[in-house]
Amino acid sequence: MSDPLFVAVDGGGSKTDLVLARASGQVLSVARGPRSSPQLIGLDGSLEVLDALLAEASGPVHLNFRDGSVAELAQLLVAGVDFPSEENEFREAVERRGWARRTLVGNDTFAVLRAGTERGWGIAVVCGAGINCVGVAPDGRHARFPALGAITGDWGGGYDLGIAAVSAAARSEDGRGPRTALEQAVPAHFGLSTPQELAEAFHRGGIPLQRADELPKVVFAAAATDEVAAGIVDRLALEVVALARVALRRLELEGQPVEILLGGGLLQARDGRLTRAIEDGLDEVDPQAVVRIATSPPIVGAALLALDELGAPAEAQERLRRELGEEVDRLDGERSAAGG
């Protein structure tokens, strides 16, 4: 096959992107759908999302993966795939569907790292729906974290920040904690007047508790003038720094000009206080480290890893970055126009 076809996926905790492309870097089709993390919706739910996206992407280019079309490679990077056993389970399930001759599965954090660097190594910290980190050394060694939430010592991501804000608002109202502007701002986000009203709405199911993940923007806005909100932001910065510090140490990369990529919605929002705190913290850890906020979307990293696996030349990677970046910009524009 002179120009092999591949499928690449970035499956996150809030949305999923899938691209069909060729080893030449030509982008054939891109589809976007809901979250596909098996940690959140189960393996079957994740595969249903990917099945639907693959069918959507295949139509415009006259491919039918249910009727004999087969890619050379499926590169699937999915949030919530954290252990080798989960990677194998996911890969075997996809292989049974016959999408590709070869299937590679990994955590979506690898997509952020590859999207942000041409070196092929470095550290990426992702903070969106949750928080995670991956490091890759020049010799190929990896540093990873289970990233299963509180049971593996994790704190960070939209939901954790939101719950911290809800808790601070409640404690401000009843006097157990310091007064904070979050006391008014948090319930107001949901059209309510008091933290107690919000607590009852969460408790009785009138408002799904998962909607707490909408609150980081409220926290960021309040942090400019409110010490309690600022403390929540500073705590997130400390968590990001801690993940990167441990990855540096495990890979024995201290004192080298390592690129540390910050990805995910909360870090890419470029909140000034959060970004400064992370940069200052990492400068204390290792002044040689180069901290950057990721600009290329993770699906670009997933597709580039597929090109790496296929042995594609640099010009193919440049073409893919350009074409896929344009497609993602289009999807983002449509999402913004729809109010998403």
Protein backbone atom coordinates (compact mmCIF):
# COMPACT_ATOMS: atom_id res chain seq x y z
CA MET A 1 0.00 0.00 0.00
CA SER A 2 1.70 3.16 -1.18
CA ASP A 3 -0.21 5.61 1.02
CA PRO A 4 -1.63 3.64 3.97
CA LEU A 5 -4.85 4.68 5.65
CA PHE A 6 -4.94 5.14 9.42
CA VAL A 7 -7.43 5.99 12.15
CA ALA A 8 -6.40 8.18 15.08
CA VAL A 9 -8.48 8.97 18.16
CA ASP A 10 -8.17 11.39 21.05
CA GLY A 11 -10.82 10.24 23.49
CA GLY A 12 -11.28 12.48 26.49
CA GLY A 13 -13.48 12.97 29.51
CA SER A 14 -15.54 15.66 27.80
CA LYS A 15 -15.23 15.07 24.04
CA THR A 16 -13.73 12.74 21.45
CA ASP A 17 -12.04 13.51 18.13
CA LEU A 18 -11.44 10.91 15.41
CA VAL A 19 -9.52 11.42 12.18
CA LEU A 20 -9.13 9.33 9.05
CA ALA A 21 -5.91 10.18 7.26
CA ARG A 22 -3.13 8.74 5.13
CA ALA A 23 0.57 8.25 5.73
CA SER A 24 1.26 11.13 3.33
CA GLY A 25 -0.34 13.44 5.90
CA GLN A 26 -3.53 13.90 3.88
CA VAL A 27 -6.53 14.34 6.16
CA LEU A 28 -9.59 12.62 4.74
CA SER A 29 -12.22 13.23 7.38
CA VAL A 30 -12.65 14.34 11.00
CA ALA A 31 -15.52 13.65 13.38
CA ARG A 32 -16.21 14.92 16.88
CA GLY A 33 -18.46 13.41 19.51
CA PRO A 34 -19.06 13.08 23.26
CA ARG A 35 -16.70 11.77 25.90
CA SER A 36 -15.37 8.25 25.45
CA SER A 37 -13.35 7.60 28.60
CA PRO A 38 -14.12 4.02 29.70
CA GLN A 39 -13.47 5.15 33.27
CA LEU A 40 -16.60 7.31 32.96
CA ILE A 41 -18.89 5.38 30.60
CA GLY A 42 -17.46 1.85 30.56
CA LEU A 43 -15.71 -0.05 27.79
CA ASP A 44 -18.91 -0.79 25.87
CA GLY A 45 -20.00 2.83 26.06
CA SER A 46 -16.60 4.00 24.87
CA LEU A 47 -16.65 1.66 21.89
CA GLU A 48 -20.17 2.77 20.98
CA VAL A 49 -18.92 6.36 20.77
CA LEU A 50 -15.98 5.34 18.60
CA ASP A 51 -18.16 3.15 16.37
CA ALA A 52 -20.48 6.09 15.72
CA LEU A 53 -17.63 8.51 15.03
CA LEU A 54 -15.91 6.09 12.67
CA ALA A 55 -19.14 5.64 10.73
CA GLU A 56 -19.58 9.42 10.58
CA ALA A 57 -16.04 10.02 9.38
CA SER A 58 -16.21 7.18 6.84
CA GLY A 59 -19.29 8.36 4.98
CA PRO A 60 -17.90 11.42 3.20
CA VAL A 61 -14.87 9.45 1.92
CA HIS A 62 -16.89 6.39 0.87
CA LEU A 63 -15.39 3.92 3.32
CA ASN A 64 -17.31 1.30 5.24
CA PHE A 65 -15.48 -0.29 8.13
CA ARG A 66 -18.39 -2.65 8.69
CA ASP A 67 -18.14 -3.97 5.18
CA GLY A 68 -14.49 -4.65 4.52
CA SER A 69 -12.65 -1.33 4.66
CA VAL A 70 -9.57 -1.75 6.82
CA ALA A 71 -6.99 0.81 7.91
CA GLU A 72 -3.33 -0.07 8.20
CA LEU A 73 -3.21 1.31 11.74
CA ALA A 74 -5.60 2.43 14.48
CA GLN A 75 -3.90 4.71 17.02
CA LEU A 76 -6.28 5.16 19.94
CA LEU A 77 -5.34 7.44 22.85
CA VAL A 78 -8.11 7.46 25.42
CA ALA A 79 -8.58 8.96 28.87
CA GLY A 80 -9.22 6.38 31.56
CA VAL A 81 -6.96 3.77 29.95
CA ASP A 82 -4.35 3.81 32.67
CA PHE A 83 -3.04 0.28 33.24
CA PRO A 84 -1.51 -2.23 30.81
CA SER A 85 -4.45 -4.55 31.49
CA GLU A 86 -6.86 -1.80 30.40
CA GLU A 87 -4.81 -1.10 27.28
CA ASN A 88 -4.92 -4.78 26.35
CA GLU A 89 -8.64 -5.06 27.01
CA PHE A 90 -9.39 -2.00 24.91
CA ARG A 91 -7.08 -3.11 22.11
CA GLU A 92 -8.56 -6.60 21.96
CA ALA A 93 -12.09 -5.18 21.81
CA VAL A 94 -11.14 -2.92 18.90
CA GLU A 95 -9.30 -5.73 17.13
CA ARG A 96 -12.49 -7.79 17.21
CA ARG A 97 -14.15 -5.02 15.24
CA GLY A 98 -11.54 -5.32 12.49
CA TRP A 99 -10.94 -1.63 11.95
CA ALA A 100 -7.23 -1.96 11.24
CA ARG A 101 -4.46 -4.46 10.63
CA ARG A 102 -2.69 -3.12 13.73
CA THR A 103 -4.16 -1.43 16.77
CA LEU A 104 -2.25 0.62 19.33
CA VAL A 105 -3.91 1.86 22.53
CA GLY A 106 -2.63 4.28 25.15
CA ASN A 107 -3.60 7.08 27.49
CA ASP A 108 -4.64 10.41 25.96
CA THR A 109 -1.87 12.23 27.81
CA PHE A 110 0.58 10.88 25.23
CA ALA A 111 -1.37 12.78 22.56
CA VAL A 112 -0.82 16.08 24.36
CA LEU A 113 2.92 15.42 24.61
CA ARG A 114 3.33 14.46 20.95
CA ALA A 115 1.21 17.36 19.76
CA GLY A 116 3.42 19.81 21.61
CA THR A 117 6.91 18.61 20.73
CA GLU A 118 8.83 17.32 17.76
CA ARG A 119 11.49 15.78 20.00
CA GLY A 120 9.33 12.78 20.82
CA TRP A 121 10.15 13.10 24.53
CA GLY A 122 9.36 15.40 27.44
CA ILE A 123 6.61 15.73 30.04
CA ALA A 124 2.94 16.55 29.62
CA VAL A 125 0.51 17.45 32.38
CA VAL A 126 -3.15 17.40 31.38
CA CYS A 127 -5.86 19.03 33.45
CA GLY A 128 -9.36 18.95 32.02
CA ALA A 129 -12.14 16.79 33.42
CA GLY A 130 -9.41 15.18 35.56
CA ILE A 131 -5.66 15.45 35.97
CA ASN A 132 -2.85 13.24 34.68
CA CYS A 133 0.79 13.34 33.67
CA VAL A 134 3.12 11.36 31.45
CA GLY A 135 6.85 11.61 30.88
CA VAL A 136 8.93 10.13 28.08
CA ALA A 137 12.74 10.05 28.27
CA PRO A 138 15.01 10.33 25.21
CA ASP A 139 15.74 6.60 25.52
CA GLY A 140 12.03 5.75 25.46
CA ARG A 141 11.47 5.14 29.19
CA HIS A 142 8.06 6.22 30.47
CA ALA A 143 6.84 7.75 33.73
CA ARG A 144 3.11 7.39 34.29
CA PHE A 145 0.48 7.75 36.99
CA PRO A 146 -2.69 5.67 37.53
CA ALA A 147 -4.82 8.84 37.62
CA LEU A 148 -7.86 7.19 39.19
CA GLY A 149 -8.85 10.12 41.37
CA ALA A 150 -8.71 10.21 45.14
CA ILE A 151 -7.95 6.49 45.46
CA THR A 152 -4.59 7.09 43.77
CA GLY A 153 -3.93 10.42 45.48
CA ASP A 154 -5.09 12.67 42.65
CA TRP A 155 -6.71 16.07 43.01
CA GLY A 156 -7.36 18.42 40.12
CA GLY A 157 -9.55 18.78 37.09
CA GLY A 158 -12.84 20.54 36.60
CA TYR A 159 -14.89 18.41 38.96
CA ASP A 160 -12.44 18.62 41.86
CA LEU A 161 -12.16 22.39 41.52
CA GLY A 162 -15.94 22.64 41.34
CA ILE A 163 -16.50 20.57 44.46
CA ALA A 164 -13.87 22.61 46.29
CA ALA A 165 -15.79 25.76 45.35
CA VAL A 166 -19.13 24.28 46.45
CA SER A 167 -17.63 23.25 49.78
CA ALA A 168 -16.02 26.65 50.35
CA ALA A 169 -19.31 28.39 49.58
CA ALA A 170 -21.20 26.20 52.07
CA ARG A 171 -18.63 26.73 54.82
CA SER A 172 -18.69 30.48 54.20
CA GLU A 173 -22.47 30.53 54.58
CA ASP A 174 -22.63 28.60 57.86
CA GLY A 175 -19.50 30.08 59.44
CA ARG A 176 -17.26 27.00 59.53
CA GLY A 177 -14.92 28.58 57.00
CA PRO A 178 -13.76 32.04 55.95
CA ARG A 179 -16.08 34.34 54.09
CA THR A 180 -15.69 34.13 50.35
CA ALA A 181 -17.25 35.61 47.25
CA LEU A 182 -17.91 32.03 46.19
CA GLU A 183 -20.80 32.01 48.67
CA GLN A 184 -22.78 34.10 46.19
CA ALA A 185 -21.04 33.27 42.92
CA VAL A 186 -21.33 29.47 43.09
CA PRO A 187 -25.12 29.19 43.60
CA ALA A 188 -25.66 32.11 41.22
CA HIS A 189 -24.03 30.07 38.44
CA PHE A 190 -26.97 27.66 38.74
CA GLY A 191 -29.62 30.37 39.12
CA LEU A 192 -29.91 29.93 42.89
CA SER A 193 -29.46 32.30 45.81
CA THR A 194 -27.65 30.39 48.55
CA PRO A 195 -25.25 27.46 48.98
CA GLN A 196 -27.92 25.68 51.03
CA GLU A 197 -30.36 25.85 48.11
CA LEU A 198 -27.64 24.47 45.87
CA ALA A 199 -26.81 21.67 48.29
CA GLU A 200 -30.47 20.61 48.38
CA ALA A 201 -30.66 20.73 44.56
CA PHE A 202 -27.59 18.49 44.30
CA HIS A 203 -28.85 16.16 47.03
CA ARG A 204 -32.33 15.71 45.57
CA GLY A 205 -31.12 15.40 41.99
CA GLY A 206 -32.58 18.66 40.70
CA ILE A 207 -29.08 19.55 39.51
CA PRO A 208 -26.70 16.70 38.63
CA LEU A 209 -23.66 16.83 40.88
CA GLN A 210 -21.45 16.30 37.84
CA ARG A 211 -22.30 19.86 36.81
CA ALA A 212 -19.85 20.99 39.47
CA ASP A 213 -17.30 20.68 36.66
CA GLU A 214 -18.74 23.93 35.25
CA LEU A 215 -17.39 25.93 38.16
CA PRO A 216 -13.67 26.40 37.43
CA LYS A 217 -14.41 29.56 35.44
CA VAL A 218 -16.26 30.91 38.50
CA VAL A 219 -13.25 30.10 40.69
CA PHE A 220 -10.79 31.70 38.25
CA ALA A 221 -12.87 34.88 38.06
CA ALA A 222 -13.19 35.17 41.84
CA ALA A 223 -9.51 34.41 42.49
CA ALA A 224 -8.47 37.89 41.35
CA THR A 225 -9.91 39.41 44.54
CA ASP A 226 -10.89 36.52 46.82
CA GLU A 227 -8.37 34.66 48.99
CA VAL A 228 -10.39 31.45 49.23
CA ALA A 229 -10.82 31.15 45.47
CA ALA A 230 -7.15 32.04 45.03
CA GLY A 231 -6.25 29.23 47.40
CA ILE A 232 -8.13 26.72 45.25
CA VAL A 233 -6.26 27.90 42.16
CA ASP A 234 -2.94 27.75 44.00
CA ARG A 235 -3.69 24.20 45.14
CA LEU A 236 -4.18 23.14 41.52
CA ALA A 237 -0.85 24.74 40.59
CA LEU A 238 0.87 22.75 43.34
CA GLU A 239 -0.63 19.52 42.00
CA VAL A 240 0.59 20.24 38.48
CA VAL A 241 4.07 21.02 39.76
CA ALA A 242 4.14 17.88 41.90
CA LEU A 243 3.27 15.64 38.94
CA ALA A 244 5.93 17.18 36.73
CA ARG A 245 8.52 17.06 39.53
CA VAL A 246 8.00 13.36 40.13
CA ALA A 247 8.11 12.59 36.39
CA LEU A 248 11.40 14.49 36.08
CA ARG A 249 12.88 12.56 38.99
CA ARG A 250 11.71 9.14 37.81
CA LEU A 251 13.20 9.71 34.36
CA GLU A 252 16.39 11.26 35.75
CA LEU A 253 15.93 14.35 33.62
CA GLU A 254 16.68 17.01 36.22
CA GLY A 255 18.97 19.74 34.96
CA GLN A 256 18.14 19.15 31.29
CA PRO A 257 16.14 21.45 28.99
CA VAL A 258 13.04 19.28 29.22
CA GLU A 259 9.88 20.55 27.57
CA ILE A 260 6.93 20.45 29.99
CA LEU A 261 3.65 20.74 28.10
CA LEU A 262 0.51 21.95 29.86
CA GLY A 263 -2.65 20.66 28.22
CA GLY A 264 -6.34 20.20 28.88
CA GLY A 265 -9.07 22.78 29.18
CA LEU A 266 -8.13 24.20 32.58
CA LEU A 267 -4.47 24.74 31.75
CA GLN A 268 -5.09 25.91 28.20
CA ALA A 269 -7.56 28.50 29.49
CA ARG A 270 -4.41 30.49 30.33
CA ASP A 271 -5.66 31.82 33.63
CA GLY A 272 -2.96 34.27 34.65
CA ARG A 273 -2.71 33.33 38.32
CA LEU A 274 -2.67 29.59 37.62
CA THR A 275 -0.11 29.82 34.83
CA ARG A 276 2.24 32.06 36.85
CA ALA A 277 2.04 29.78 39.89
CA ILE A 278 2.86 26.72 37.79
CA GLU A 279 5.76 28.45 36.04
CA ASP A 280 7.17 29.74 39.32
CA GLY A 281 6.82 26.34 40.96
CA LEU A 282 8.51 24.49 38.11
CA ASP A 283 11.29 27.07 37.99
CA GLU A 284 12.06 26.22 41.62
CA VAL A 285 12.00 22.50 40.78
CA ASP A 286 14.26 22.77 37.72
CA PRO A 287 15.30 26.10 36.19
CA GLN A 288 16.37 24.28 33.01
CA ALA A 289 12.87 23.05 32.23
CA VAL A 290 10.97 24.80 29.45
CA VAL A 291 7.29 25.23 30.32
CA ARG A 292 4.81 25.73 27.48
CA ILE A 293 1.05 25.67 27.15
CA ALA A 294 0.05 23.26 24.43
CA THR A 295 -1.32 24.97 21.32
CA SER A 296 -1.89 22.05 18.97
CA PRO A 297 -4.97 19.96 19.84
CA PRO A 298 -4.40 16.44 21.19
CA ILE A 299 -5.88 14.76 18.11
CA VAL A 300 -2.91 16.14 16.19
CA GLY A 301 -0.61 14.33 18.62
CA ALA A 302 -2.54 11.08 18.22
CA ALA A 303 -2.27 11.34 14.44
CA LEU A 304 1.43 12.23 14.59
CA LEU A 305 2.11 9.16 16.70
CA ALA A 306 0.40 7.12 14.00
CA LEU A 307 2.66 8.71 11.39
CA ASP A 308 5.67 7.93 13.58
CA GLU A 309 4.59 4.30 13.68
CA LEU A 310 4.14 4.26 9.89
CA GLY A 311 7.57 5.79 9.32
CA ALA A 312 6.19 8.87 7.60
CA PRO A 313 8.66 11.62 6.61
CA ALA A 314 8.78 15.12 8.07
CA GLU A 315 6.85 16.64 5.17
CA ALA A 316 3.94 14.29 5.89
CA GLN A 317 3.91 15.41 9.52
CA GLU A 318 3.95 19.06 8.49
CA ARG A 319 1.06 18.47 6.09
CA LEU A 320 -0.96 16.66 8.74
CA ARG A 321 -0.36 19.40 11.32
CA ARG A 322 -1.61 21.98 8.85
CA GLU A 323 -4.63 20.13 7.48
CA LEU A 324 -5.79 18.62 10.77
CA GLY A 325 -5.27 21.89 12.61
CA GLU A 326 -7.57 23.60 10.09
CA GLU A 327 -10.22 20.93 10.54
CA VAL A 328 -10.12 21.18 14.32
CA ASP A 329 -10.37 24.97 14.10
CA ARG A 330 -13.50 24.49 11.98
CA LEU A 331 -15.03 22.10 14.53
CA ASP A 332 -14.17 24.46 17.38
CA GLY A 333 -15.81 27.32 15.49
CA GLU A 334 -18.97 25.31 14.95
CA ARG A 335 -19.04 24.37 18.62
CA SER A 336 -18.64 27.98 19.70
CA ALA A 337 -21.36 29.13 17.32
CA ALA A 338 -23.69 26.51 18.80
CA GLY A 339 -22.90 27.73 22.29
CA GLY A 340 -21.03 24.54 23.26
